[in-house]
Amino acid sequence: MLHEPARDSGPDPASSYKTRLGLWMFLIYCLFYAGFVLVNVATEGRAMQAIVLMGMNLAVVYGMGLIVAALLMALVYNHLCTKRESELKDQGKEVRS
C-alpha cells in the first residue's frame, strides 16, 4: 500500500463550535454516568438488582442505556458539526478537513 503524505488541513473556522458542543455533550454524559455511580453507592448496589424491563435488572438496562446514549450523542455531534461546517462553507469561510 502506498500512502501519501498527510495534507495540511489549515485552520478550522468551526473549531470553537465543535469544542463547545463536545464539552457540553461530555458534561451531559458525565451526569448520566454519575447517576449510575450514585445509584450504586447510595443503595450499596441493591437497587441495581431490581428487575425493571423484560426480565433485566437495572444494572443491565442502565448500562445498555449508557452505551446507546454514547452512540446517539456521537451521531448527533457528527450531524451538528457537519451542519455547522456546511453553513460556514456557504458563508464563504472555507472549512478544510
C-alpha atoms as a PDB file:
ATOM      1  CA  MET A   1       0.000   0.000   0.000  1.00  0.00           C
ATOM      2  CA  LEU A   2       1.231   3.415  -0.871  1.00  0.00           C
ATOM      3  CA  HIS A   3       0.390   6.218   1.475  1.00  0.00           C
ATOM      4  CA  GLU A   4       0.715   9.810   0.501  1.00  0.00           C
ATOM      5  CA  PRO A   5       1.839  12.426   2.998  1.00  0.00           C
ATOM      6  CA  ALA A   6      -0.926  13.980   5.042  1.00  0.00           C
ATOM      7  CA  ARG A   7      -2.359  17.162   3.585  1.00  0.00           C
ATOM      8  CA  ASP A   8      -2.190  20.366   5.589  1.00  0.00           C
ATOM      9  CA  SER A   9      -5.715  20.941   6.841  1.00  0.00           C
ATOM     10  CA  GLY A  10      -5.182  24.537   7.877  1.00  0.00           C
ATOM     11  CA  PRO A  11      -7.379  26.400  10.333  1.00  0.00           C
ATOM     12  CA  ASP A  12     -10.891  25.173  11.044  1.00  0.00           C
ATOM     13  CA  PRO A  13     -13.418  28.008  11.449  1.00  0.00           C
ATOM     14  CA  ALA A  14     -15.856  25.589  13.117  1.00  0.00           C
ATOM     15  CA  SER A  15     -13.298  24.548  15.732  1.00  0.00           C
ATOM     16  CA  SER A  16     -14.689  26.668  18.573  1.00  0.00           C
ATOM     17  CA  TYR A  17     -18.236  25.426  17.872  1.00  0.00           C
ATOM     18  CA  LYS A  18     -17.075  21.816  17.836  1.00  0.00           C
ATOM     19  CA  THR A  19     -15.163  22.271  21.080  1.00  0.00           C
ATOM     20  CA  ARG A  20     -18.086  23.912  22.889  1.00  0.00           C
ATOM     21  CA  LEU A  21     -20.546  21.309  21.636  1.00  0.00           C
ATOM     22  CA  GLY A  22     -18.231  18.442  22.558  1.00  0.00           C
ATOM     23  CA  LEU A  23     -17.704  19.760  26.066  1.00  0.00           C
ATOM     24  CA  TRP A  24     -21.439  20.224  26.668  1.00  0.00           C
ATOM     25  CA  MET A  25     -22.187  16.735  25.399  1.00  0.00           C
ATOM     26  CA  PHE A  26     -19.394  15.325  27.551  1.00  0.00           C
ATOM     27  CA  LEU A  27     -20.855  17.075  30.598  1.00  0.00           C
ATOM     28  CA  ILE A  28     -24.317  15.657  29.867  1.00  0.00           C
ATOM     29  CA  TYR A  29     -22.892  12.153  29.512  1.00  0.00           C
ATOM     30  CA  CYS A  30     -20.866  12.561  32.714  1.00  0.00           C
ATOM     31  CA  LEU A  31     -24.045  13.476  34.595  1.00  0.00           C
ATOM     32  CA  PHE A  32     -25.809  10.411  33.185  1.00  0.00           C
ATOM     33  CA  TYR A  33     -22.860   8.225  34.240  1.00  0.00           C
ATOM     34  CA  ALA A  34     -22.662   9.909  37.657  1.00  0.00           C
ATOM     35  CA  GLY A  35     -26.293   8.897  38.167  1.00  0.00           C
ATOM     36  CA  PHE A  36     -25.280   5.280  37.560  1.00  0.00           C
ATOM     37  CA  VAL A  37     -22.479   5.539  40.118  1.00  0.00           C
ATOM     38  CA  LEU A  38     -24.645   7.356  42.673  1.00  0.00           C
ATOM     39  CA  VAL A  39     -27.391   4.736  42.472  1.00  0.00           C
ATOM     40  CA  ASN A  40     -24.779   2.070  43.188  1.00  0.00           C
ATOM     41  CA  VAL A  41     -23.206   3.986  46.058  1.00  0.00           C
ATOM     42  CA  ALA A  42     -26.424   5.204  47.671  1.00  0.00           C
ATOM     43  CA  THR A  43     -28.135   1.825  47.667  1.00  0.00           C
ATOM     44  CA  GLU A  44     -24.998  -0.310  48.034  1.00  0.00           C
ATOM     45  CA  GLY A  45     -25.918  -1.970  44.757  1.00  0.00           C
ATOM     46  CA  ARG A  46     -29.312  -3.264  45.910  1.00  0.00           C
ATOM     47  CA  ALA A  47     -31.247  -1.028  43.512  1.00  0.00           C
ATOM     48  CA  MET A  48     -29.292  -2.435  40.576  1.00  0.00           C
ATOM     49  CA  GLN A  49     -30.736  -5.884  41.301  1.00  0.00           C
ATOM     50  CA  ALA A  50     -34.317  -4.740  40.735  1.00  0.00           C
ATOM     51  CA  ILE A  51     -35.951  -6.174  37.626  1.00  0.00           C
ATOM     52  CA  VAL A  52     -37.107  -3.218  35.536  1.00  0.00           C
ATOM     53  CA  LEU A  53     -37.520  -4.228  31.887  1.00  0.00           C
ATOM     54  CA  MET A  54     -38.268  -7.550  30.212  1.00  0.00           C
ATOM     55  CA  GLY A  55     -36.661  -9.568  32.985  1.00  0.00           C
ATOM     56  CA  MET A  56     -33.462  -7.496  33.024  1.00  0.00           C
ATOM     57  CA  ASN A  57     -32.212  -5.779  36.137  1.00  0.00           C
ATOM     58  CA  LEU A  58     -31.486  -2.069  36.460  1.00  0.00           C
ATOM     59  CA  ALA A  59     -27.727  -2.596  36.111  1.00  0.00           C
ATOM     60  CA  VAL A  60     -28.102  -4.126  32.648  1.00  0.00           C
ATOM     61  CA  VAL A  61     -30.727  -1.641  31.482  1.00  0.00           C
ATOM     62  CA  TYR A  62     -28.789   1.390  32.763  1.00  0.00           C
ATOM     63  CA  GLY A  63     -25.522   0.042  31.347  1.00  0.00           C
ATOM     64  CA  MET A  64     -27.065  -0.522  27.922  1.00  0.00           C
ATOM     65  CA  GLY A  65     -28.626   2.930  28.196  1.00  0.00           C
ATOM     66  CA  LEU A  66     -25.166   4.417  28.738  1.00  0.00           C
ATOM     67  CA  ILE A  67     -23.856   2.660  25.633  1.00  0.00           C
ATOM     68  CA  VAL A  68     -26.822   3.677  23.476  1.00  0.00           C
ATOM     69  CA  ALA A  69     -26.640   7.245  24.773  1.00  0.00           C
ATOM     70  CA  ALA A  70     -22.958   7.465  23.817  1.00  0.00           C
ATOM     71  CA  LEU A  71     -23.680   6.203  20.303  1.00  0.00           C
ATOM     72  CA  LEU A  72     -26.621   8.564  19.833  1.00  0.00           C
ATOM     73  CA  MET A  73     -24.627  11.507  21.138  1.00  0.00           C
ATOM     74  CA  ALA A  74     -21.829  10.690  18.684  1.00  0.00           C
ATOM     75  CA  LEU A  75     -24.314  10.700  15.809  1.00  0.00           C
ATOM     76  CA  VAL A  76     -25.853  13.988  16.969  1.00  0.00           C
ATOM     77  CA  TYR A  77     -22.381  15.523  17.372  1.00  0.00           C
ATOM     78  CA  ASN A  78     -21.391  14.455  13.867  1.00  0.00           C
ATOM     79  CA  HIS A  79     -24.629  15.782  12.379  1.00  0.00           C
ATOM     80  CA  LEU A  80     -24.406  19.149  14.132  1.00  0.00           C
ATOM     81  CA  CYS A  81     -20.728  19.625  13.278  1.00  0.00           C
ATOM     82  CA  THR A  82     -21.299  18.731   9.628  1.00  0.00           C
ATOM     83  CA  LYS A  83     -24.233  21.140   9.505  1.00  0.00           C
ATOM     84  CA  ARG A  84     -22.120  23.933  11.029  1.00  0.00           C
ATOM     85  CA  GLU A  85     -19.281  23.294   8.577  1.00  0.00           C
ATOM     86  CA  SER A  86     -21.761  23.473   5.686  1.00  0.00           C
ATOM     87  CA  GLU A  87     -23.169  26.748   6.992  1.00  0.00           C
ATOM     88  CA  LEU A  88     -19.694  28.243   7.249  1.00  0.00           C
ATOM     89  CA  LYS A  89     -18.820  26.991   3.780  1.00  0.00           C
ATOM     90  CA  ASP A  90     -21.992  28.619   2.384  1.00  0.00           C
ATOM     91  CA  GLN A  91     -20.967  31.888   4.059  1.00  0.00           C
ATOM     92  CA  GLY A  92     -17.680  31.789   2.200  1.00  0.00           C
ATOM     93  CA  LYS A  93     -15.460  30.603   5.013  1.00  0.00           C
ATOM     94  CA  GLU A  94     -13.521  27.612   3.828  1.00  0.00           C
ATOM     95  CA  VAL A  95     -13.536  24.569   6.080  1.00  0.00           C
ATOM     96  CA  ARG A  96     -10.728  22.166   5.385  1.00  0.00           C
ATOM     97  CA  SER A  97     -10.793  18.581   6.511  1.00  0.00           C
END
